[in-house]
PDB file of N, CA and C in Angstrom:
ATOM      1  N   UNK A   1      17.765   1.365   5.912  1.00  0.00           N
ATOM      2  CA  UNK A   1      16.350   1.662   5.767  1.00  0.00           C
ATOM      3  C   UNK A   1      15.641   1.532   7.107  1.00  0.00           C
ATOM      4  N   UNK A   2      14.571   2.269   7.242  1.00  0.00           N
ATOM      5  CA  UNK A   2      13.771   2.192   8.463  1.00  0.00           C
ATOM      6  C   UNK A   2      12.639   1.187   8.283  1.00  0.00           C
ATOM      7  N   UNK A   3      11.985   0.848   9.364  1.00  0.00           N
ATOM      8  CA  UNK A   3      10.826  -0.043   9.294  1.00  0.00           C
ATOM      9  C   UNK A   3       9.743   0.589   8.422  1.00  0.00           C
ATOM     10  N   UNK A   4       9.578   1.904   8.512  1.00  0.00           N
ATOM     11  CA  UNK A   4       8.583   2.585   7.676  1.00  0.00           C
ATOM     12  C   UNK A   4       8.868   2.344   6.201  1.00  0.00           C
ATOM     13  N   UNK A   5      10.125   2.513   5.801  1.00  0.00           N
ATOM     14  CA  UNK A   5      10.501   2.288   4.404  1.00  0.00           C
ATOM     15  C   UNK A   5      10.331   0.826   4.013  1.00  0.00           C
ATOM     16  N   UNK A   6      10.692  -0.075   4.910  1.00  0.00           N
ATOM     17  CA  UNK A   6      10.552  -1.506   4.625  1.00  0.00           C
ATOM     18  C   UNK A   6       9.089  -1.885   4.412  1.00  0.00           C
ATOM     19  N   UNK A   7       8.205  -1.360   5.257  1.00  0.00           N
ATOM     20  CA  UNK A   7       6.772  -1.648   5.110  1.00  0.00           C
ATOM     21  C   UNK A   7       6.272  -1.125   3.773  1.00  0.00           C
ATOM     22  N   UNK A   8       6.658   0.076   3.406  1.00  0.00           N
ATOM     23  CA  UNK A   8       6.243   0.649   2.128  1.00  0.00           C
ATOM     24  C   UNK A   8       6.730  -0.210   0.970  1.00  0.00           C
ATOM     25  N   UNK A   9       7.988  -0.618   1.012  1.00  0.00           N
ATOM     26  CA  UNK A   9       8.568  -1.433  -0.057  1.00  0.00           C
ATOM     27  C   UNK A   9       7.838  -2.770  -0.196  1.00  0.00           C
ATOM     28  N   UNK A  10       7.604  -3.438   0.919  1.00  0.00           N
ATOM     29  CA  UNK A  10       6.978  -4.764   0.878  1.00  0.00           C
ATOM     30  C   UNK A  10       5.517  -4.677   0.446  1.00  0.00           C
ATOM     31  N   UNK A  11       4.780  -3.703   0.941  1.00  0.00           N
ATOM     32  CA  UNK A  11       3.364  -3.612   0.569  1.00  0.00           C
ATOM     33  C   UNK A  11       3.191  -3.188  -0.881  1.00  0.00           C
ATOM     34  N   UNK A  12       4.141  -2.473  -1.422  1.00  0.00           N
ATOM     35  CA  UNK A  12       4.044  -2.095  -2.842  1.00  0.00           C
ATOM     36  C   UNK A  12       4.255  -3.286  -3.769  1.00  0.00           C
ATOM     37  N   UNK A  13       4.713  -4.401  -3.245  1.00  0.00           N
ATOM     38  CA  UNK A  13       4.819  -5.617  -4.051  1.00  0.00           C
ATOM     39  C   UNK A  13       3.509  -6.386  -4.060  1.00  0.00           C
ATOM     40  N   UNK A  14       2.524  -5.889  -3.292  1.00  0.00           N
ATOM     41  CA  UNK A  14       1.225  -6.542  -3.252  1.00  0.00           C
ATOM     42  C   UNK A  14       0.953  -7.304  -1.976  1.00  0.00           C
ATOM     43  N   UNK A  15       1.875  -7.253  -1.028  1.00  0.00           N
ATOM     44  CA  UNK A  15       1.694  -7.980   0.229  1.00  0.00           C
ATOM     45  C   UNK A  15       0.593  -7.351   1.074  1.00  0.00           C
ATOM     46  N   UNK A  16      -0.181  -8.195   1.714  1.00  0.00           N
ATOM     47  CA  UNK A  16      -1.177  -7.719   2.676  1.00  0.00           C
ATOM     48  C   UNK A  16      -0.436  -7.284   3.940  1.00  0.00           C
ATOM     49  N   UNK A  17      -1.100  -6.542   4.821  1.00  0.00           N
ATOM     50  CA  UNK A  17      -0.428  -6.185   6.075  1.00  0.00           C
ATOM     51  C   UNK A  17       0.062  -7.408   6.856  1.00  0.00           C
ATOM     52  N   UNK A  18      -0.727  -8.466   6.880  1.00  0.00           N
ATOM     53  CA  UNK A  18      -0.306  -9.679   7.597  1.00  0.00           C
ATOM     54  C   UNK A  18       0.929 -10.299   6.943  1.00  0.00           C
ATOM     55  N   UNK A  19       0.934 -10.358   5.614  1.00  0.00           N
ATOM     56  CA  UNK A  19       2.086 -10.920   4.900  1.00  0.00           C
ATOM     57  C   UNK A  19       3.317 -10.037   5.071  1.00  0.00           C
ATOM     58  N   UNK A  20       3.122  -8.730   5.048  1.00  0.00           N
ATOM     59  CA  UNK A  20       4.248  -7.811   5.248  1.00  0.00           C
ATOM     60  C   UNK A  20       4.840  -7.998   6.640  1.00  0.00           C
ATOM     61  N   UNK A  21       3.982  -8.176   7.633  1.00  0.00           N
ATOM     62  CA  UNK A  21       4.455  -8.391   9.001  1.00  0.00           C
ATOM     63  C   UNK A  21       5.281  -9.671   9.093  1.00  0.00           C
ATOM     64  N   UNK A  22       4.807 -10.739   8.465  1.00  0.00           N
ATOM     65  CA  UNK A  22       5.556 -12.005   8.473  1.00  0.00           C
ATOM     66  C   UNK A  22       6.897 -11.841   7.761  1.00  0.00           C
ATOM     67  N   UNK A  23       6.881 -11.181   6.602  1.00  0.00           N
ATOM     68  CA  UNK A  23       8.103 -10.990   5.822  1.00  0.00           C
ATOM     69  C   UNK A  23       9.148 -10.192   6.597  1.00  0.00           C
ATOM     70  N   UNK A  24       8.685  -9.149   7.271  1.00  0.00           N
ATOM     71  CA  UNK A  24       9.607  -8.263   7.985  1.00  0.00           C
ATOM     72  C   UNK A  24       9.895  -8.713   9.415  1.00  0.00           C
ATOM     73  N   UNK A  25       9.134  -9.690   9.900  1.00  0.00           N
ATOM     74  CA  UNK A  25       9.330 -10.171  11.263  1.00  0.00           C
ATOM     75  C   UNK A  25       8.911  -9.164  12.321  1.00  0.00           C
ATOM     76  N   UNK A  26       7.835  -8.422  12.014  1.00  0.00           N
ATOM     77  CA  UNK A  26       7.316  -7.431  12.966  1.00  0.00           C
ATOM     78  C   UNK A  26       5.842  -7.710  13.221  1.00  0.00           C
ATOM     79  N   UNK A  27       5.290  -7.046  14.208  1.00  0.00           N
ATOM     80  CA  UNK A  27       3.881  -7.190  14.546  1.00  0.00           C
ATOM     81  C   UNK A  27       3.006  -6.546  13.462  1.00  0.00           C
ATOM     82  N   UNK A  28       1.864  -7.156  13.175  1.00  0.00           N
ATOM     83  CA  UNK A  28       0.959  -6.603  12.165  1.00  0.00           C
ATOM     84  C   UNK A  28       0.479  -5.201  12.546  1.00  0.00           C
ATOM     85  N   UNK A  29       0.325  -4.943  13.828  1.00  0.00           N
ATOM     86  CA  UNK A  29      -0.072  -3.609  14.279  1.00  0.00           C
ATOM     87  C   UNK A  29       0.949  -2.551  13.887  1.00  0.00           C
ATOM     88  N   UNK A  30       2.231  -2.918  13.918  1.00  0.00           N
ATOM     89  CA  UNK A  30       3.278  -1.990  13.496  1.00  0.00           C
ATOM     90  C   UNK A  30       3.176  -1.710  12.001  1.00  0.00           C
ATOM     91  N   UNK A  31       2.873  -2.742  11.221  1.00  0.00           N
ATOM     92  CA  UNK A  31       2.690  -2.556   9.779  1.00  0.00           C
ATOM     93  C   UNK A  31       1.510  -1.626   9.520  1.00  0.00           C
ATOM     94  N   UNK A  32       0.402  -1.851  10.217  1.00  0.00           N
ATOM     95  CA  UNK A  32      -0.768  -0.990  10.034  1.00  0.00           C
ATOM     96  C   UNK A  32      -0.462   0.451  10.434  1.00  0.00           C
ATOM     97  N   UNK A  33       0.307   0.634  11.493  1.00  0.00           N
ATOM     98  CA  UNK A  33       0.695   1.989  11.908  1.00  0.00           C
ATOM     99  C   UNK A  33       1.587   2.644  10.856  1.00  0.00           C
ATOM    100  N   UNK A  34       2.489   1.872  10.272  1.00  0.00           N
ATOM    101  CA  UNK A  34       3.356   2.409   9.219  1.00  0.00           C
ATOM    102  C   UNK A  34       2.541   2.788   7.988  1.00  0.00           C
ATOM    103  N   UNK A  35       1.576   1.952   7.620  1.00  0.00           N
ATOM    104  CA  UNK A  35       0.724   2.271   6.475  1.00  0.00           C
ATOM    105  C   UNK A  35      -0.100   3.524   6.748  1.00  0.00           C
ATOM    106  N   UNK A  36      -0.569   3.669   7.975  1.00  0.00           N
ATOM    107  CA  UNK A  36      -1.296   4.877   8.357  1.00  0.00           C
ATOM    108  C   UNK A  36      -0.391   6.102   8.231  1.00  0.00           C
ATOM    109  N   UNK A  37       0.852   5.957   8.649  1.00  0.00           N
ATOM    110  CA  UNK A  37       1.827   7.049   8.522  1.00  0.00           C
ATOM    111  C   UNK A  37       1.978   7.461   7.063  1.00  0.00           C
ATOM    112  N   UNK A  38       2.180   6.482   6.166  1.00  0.00           N
ATOM    113  CA  UNK A  38       2.378   6.796   4.749  1.00  0.00           C
ATOM    114  C   UNK A  38       1.118   7.388   4.130  1.00  0.00           C
ATOM    115  N   UNK A  39      -0.040   6.956   4.603  1.00  0.00           N
ATOM    116  CA  UNK A  39      -1.289   7.533   4.096  1.00  0.00           C
ATOM    117  C   UNK A  39      -1.406   8.998   4.533  1.00  0.00           C
ATOM    118  N   UNK A  40      -1.098   9.281   5.790  1.00  0.00           N
ATOM    119  CA  UNK A  40      -1.162  10.671   6.282  1.00  0.00           C
ATOM    120  C   UNK A  40      -0.151  11.565   5.582  1.00  0.00           C
ATOM    121  N   UNK A  41       0.994  11.016   5.194  1.00  0.00           N
ATOM    122  CA  UNK A  41       2.013  11.788   4.471  1.00  0.00           C
ATOM    123  C   UNK A  41       1.645  11.995   3.010  1.00  0.00           C
ATOM    124  N   UNK A  42       0.652  11.242   2.514  1.00  0.00           N
ATOM    125  CA  UNK A  42       0.245  11.370   1.117  1.00  0.00           C
ATOM    126  C   UNK A  42       0.986  10.447   0.173  1.00  0.00           C
ATOM    127  N   UNK A  43       1.808   9.557   0.706  1.00  0.00           N
ATOM    128  CA  UNK A  43       2.551   8.612  -0.124  1.00  0.00           C
ATOM    129  C   UNK A  43       1.644   7.499  -0.623  1.00  0.00           C
ATOM    130  N   UNK A  44       0.695   7.090   0.195  1.00  0.00           N
ATOM    131  CA  UNK A  44      -0.304   6.088  -0.168  1.00  0.00           C
ATOM    132  C   UNK A  44      -1.681   6.697   0.007  1.00  0.00           C
ATOM    133  N   UNK A  45      -2.617   6.268  -0.810  1.00  0.00           N
ATOM    134  CA  UNK A  45      -4.000   6.714  -0.656  1.00  0.00           C
ATOM    135  C   UNK A  45      -4.913   5.507  -0.676  1.00  0.00           C
ATOM    136  N   UNK A  46      -6.042   5.644  -0.017  1.00  0.00           N
ATOM    137  CA  UNK A  46      -7.047   4.578  -0.048  1.00  0.00           C
ATOM    138  C   UNK A  46      -7.977   4.837  -1.222  1.00  0.00           C
ATOM    139  N   UNK A  47      -8.335   3.788  -1.948  1.00  0.00           N
ATOM    140  CA  UNK A  47      -9.285   3.969  -3.047  1.00  0.00           C
ATOM    141  C   UNK A  47     -10.691   4.150  -2.491  1.00  0.00           C
ATOM    142  N   UNK A  48     -11.597   4.721  -3.292  1.00  0.00           N
ATOM    143  CA  UNK A  48     -12.990   4.809  -2.842  1.00  0.00           C
ATOM    144  C   UNK A  48     -13.543   3.405  -2.601  1.00  0.00           C
ATOM    145  N   UNK A  49     -14.338   3.249  -1.568  1.00  0.00           N
ATOM    146  CA  UNK A  49     -14.899   1.932  -1.241  1.00  0.00           C
ATOM    147  C   UNK A  49     -15.984   1.552  -2.233  1.00  0.00           C
ATOM    148  N   UNK A  50     -15.966   0.291  -2.650  1.00  0.00           N
ATOM    149  CA  UNK A  50     -17.011  -0.260  -3.514  1.00  0.00           C
ATOM    150  C   UNK A  50     -17.447  -1.581  -2.919  1.00  0.00           C
ATOM    151  N   UNK A  51     -18.707  -1.832  -2.962  1.00  0.00           N
ATOM    152  CA  UNK A  51     -19.229  -3.070  -2.382  1.00  0.00           C
ATOM    153  C   UNK A  51     -18.869  -4.291  -3.219  1.00  0.00           C
ATOM    154  N   UNK A  52     -18.747  -4.120  -4.534  1.00  0.00           N
ATOM    155  CA  UNK A  52     -18.555  -5.274  -5.410  1.00  0.00           C
ATOM    156  C   UNK A  52     -17.096  -5.587  -5.728  1.00  0.00           C
ATOM    157  N   UNK A  53     -16.164  -4.739  -5.326  1.00  0.00           N
ATOM    158  CA  UNK A  53     -14.783  -4.971  -5.706  1.00  0.00           C
ATOM    159  C   UNK A  53     -13.833  -4.192  -4.807  1.00  0.00           C
ATOM    160  N   UNK A  54     -12.635  -4.722  -4.633  1.00  0.00           N
ATOM    161  CA  UNK A  54     -11.620  -3.964  -3.901  1.00  0.00           C
ATOM    162  C   UNK A  54     -10.885  -3.014  -4.829  1.00  0.00           C
ATOM    163  N   UNK A  55     -11.123  -3.149  -6.116  1.00  0.00           N
ATOM    164  CA  UNK A  55     -10.470  -2.299  -7.109  1.00  0.00           C
ATOM    165  C   UNK A  55     -11.539  -1.490  -7.829  1.00  0.00           C
ATOM    166  N   UNK A  56     -11.431  -0.170  -7.754  1.00  0.00           N
ATOM    167  CA  UNK A  56     -12.471   0.655  -8.362  1.00  0.00           C
ATOM    168  C   UNK A  56     -12.115   1.128  -9.759  1.00  0.00           C
ATOM    169  N   UNK A  57     -10.857   1.356 -10.011  1.00  0.00           N
ATOM    170  CA  UNK A  57     -10.440   1.814 -11.340  1.00  0.00           C
ATOM    171  C   UNK A  57      -9.010   1.399 -11.588  1.00  0.00           C
ATOM    172  N   UNK A  58      -8.643   1.427 -12.835  1.00  0.00           N
ATOM    173  CA  UNK A  58      -7.249   1.229 -13.197  1.00  0.00           C
ATOM    174  C   UNK A  58      -6.527   2.545 -12.938  1.00  0.00           C
ATOM    175  N   UNK A  59      -5.386   2.484 -12.314  1.00  0.00           N
ATOM    176  CA  UNK A  59      -4.641   3.698 -11.996  1.00  0.00           C
ATOM    177  C   UNK A  59      -3.826   4.120 -13.211  1.00  0.00           C
ATOM    178  N   UNK A  60      -4.196   5.230 -13.779  1.00  0.00           N
ATOM    179  CA  UNK A  60      -3.459   5.779 -14.915  1.00  0.00           C
ATOM    180  C   UNK A  60      -3.168   7.238 -14.600  1.00  0.00           C
ATOM    181  N   UNK A  61      -2.284   7.452 -13.654  1.00  0.00           N
ATOM    182  CA  UNK A  61      -1.973   8.800 -13.211  1.00  0.00           C
ATOM    183  C   UNK A  61      -0.507   9.104 -13.438  1.00  0.00           C
ATOM    184  N   UNK A  62      -0.139  10.322 -13.167  1.00  0.00           N
ATOM    185  CA  UNK A  62       1.252  10.723 -13.302  1.00  0.00           C
ATOM    186  C   UNK A  62       2.034  10.274 -12.072  1.00  0.00           C
ATOM    187  N   UNK A  63       3.357  10.158 -12.183  1.00  0.00           N
ATOM    188  CA  UNK A  63       4.158   9.673 -11.055  1.00  0.00           C
ATOM    189  C   UNK A  63       4.067  10.521  -9.790  1.00  0.00           C
ATOM    190  N   UNK A  64       3.666  11.786  -9.896  1.00  0.00           N
ATOM    191  CA  UNK A  64       3.594  12.624  -8.698  1.00  0.00           C
ATOM    192  C   UNK A  64       2.327  12.387  -7.882  1.00  0.00           C
ATOM    193  N   UNK A  65       1.379  11.608  -8.420  1.00  0.00           N
ATOM    194  CA  UNK A  65       0.153  11.278  -7.692  1.00  0.00           C
ATOM    195  C   UNK A  65       0.383   9.955  -6.960  1.00  0.00           C
ATOM    196  N   UNK A  66       0.125   9.904  -5.647  1.00  0.00           N
ATOM    197  CA  UNK A  66       0.374   8.676  -4.892  1.00  0.00           C
ATOM    198  C   UNK A  66      -0.429   7.486  -5.423  1.00  0.00           C
ATOM    199  N   UNK A  67       0.178   6.325  -5.364  1.00  0.00           N
ATOM    200  CA  UNK A  67      -0.459   5.082  -5.784  1.00  0.00           C
ATOM    201  C   UNK A  67      -1.390   4.597  -4.682  1.00  0.00           C
ATOM    202  N   UNK A  68      -2.666   4.314  -4.992  1.00  0.00           N
ATOM    203  CA  UNK A  68      -3.573   3.796  -3.962  1.00  0.00           C
ATOM    204  C   UNK A  68      -3.050   2.478  -3.394  1.00  0.00           C
ATOM    205  N   UNK A  69      -3.186   2.304  -2.107  1.00  0.00           N
ATOM    206  CA  UNK A  69      -2.693   1.111  -1.430  1.00  0.00           C
ATOM    207  C   UNK A  69      -3.290  -0.162  -2.023  1.00  0.00           C
ATOM    208  N   UNK A  70      -4.559  -0.131  -2.400  1.00  0.00           N
ATOM    209  CA  UNK A  70      -5.211  -1.319  -2.947  1.00  0.00           C
ATOM    210  C   UNK A  70      -4.662  -1.711  -4.312  1.00  0.00           C
ATOM    211  N   UNK A  71      -3.935  -0.818  -4.965  1.00  0.00           N
ATOM    212  CA  UNK A  71      -3.409  -1.101  -6.301  1.00  0.00           C
ATOM    213  C   UNK A  71      -2.027  -1.751  -6.267  1.00  0.00           C
ATOM    214  N   UNK A  72      -1.446  -1.901  -5.096  1.00  0.00           N
ATOM    215  CA  UNK A  72      -0.124  -2.510  -5.024  1.00  0.00           C
ATOM    216  C   UNK A  72      -0.185  -3.939  -5.533  1.00  0.00           C
ATOM    217  N   UNK A  73       0.755  -4.277  -6.355  1.00  0.00           N
ATOM    218  CA  UNK A  73       0.812  -5.614  -6.914  1.00  0.00           C
ATOM    219  C   UNK A  73      -0.020  -5.818  -8.159  1.00  0.00           C
ATOM    220  N   UNK A  74      -0.850  -4.855  -8.522  1.00  0.00           N
ATOM    221  CA  UNK A  74      -1.682  -4.984  -9.714  1.00  0.00           C
ATOM    222  C   UNK A  74      -0.826  -4.764 -10.958  1.00  0.00           C
ATOM    223  N   UNK A  75      -0.909  -5.651 -11.945  1.00  0.00           N
ATOM    224  CA  UNK A  75      -0.101  -5.479 -13.152  1.00  0.00           C
ATOM    225  C   UNK A  75      -0.534  -4.278 -13.996  1.00  0.00           C
ATOM    226  N   UNK A  76      -1.718  -3.744 -13.751  1.00  0.00           N
ATOM    227  CA  UNK A  76      -2.185  -2.588 -14.511  1.00  0.00           C
ATOM    228  C   UNK A  76      -1.778  -1.263 -13.883  1.00  0.00           C
ATOM    229  N   UNK A  77      -1.332  -1.294 -12.638  1.00  0.00           N
ATOM    230  CA  UNK A  77      -0.930  -0.070 -11.945  1.00  0.00           C
ATOM    231  C   UNK A  77       0.471   0.332 -12.387  1.00  0.00           C
ATOM    232  N   UNK A  78       0.702   1.629 -12.453  1.00  0.00           N
ATOM    233  CA  UNK A  78       2.031   2.120 -12.825  1.00  0.00           C
ATOM    234  C   UNK A  78       3.037   1.745 -11.745  1.00  0.00           C
ATOM    235  N   UNK A  79       4.260   1.685 -12.086  1.00  0.00           N
ATOM    236  CA  UNK A  79       5.325   1.360 -11.123  1.00  0.00           C
ATOM    237  C   UNK A  79       6.047   2.608 -10.716  1.00  0.00           C
TER     238      UNK A  79
END
């Protein structure tokens, strides 16, 4: 596996970028760059910003729709 794949795998468990960096033994900037890569590829998406919550909706989509990054680790998000 590549670092890109490792970052995707770890963050999908709910790890923050800082926690993913510690887990993988890499710089947090590298994790952020990898997340940016996956977002540009359409594998991850950012949820709409809300002032009152980091979670705007429960994700109930089909498997072909990318999982929002903020939903990683949520028990209500699809796997």
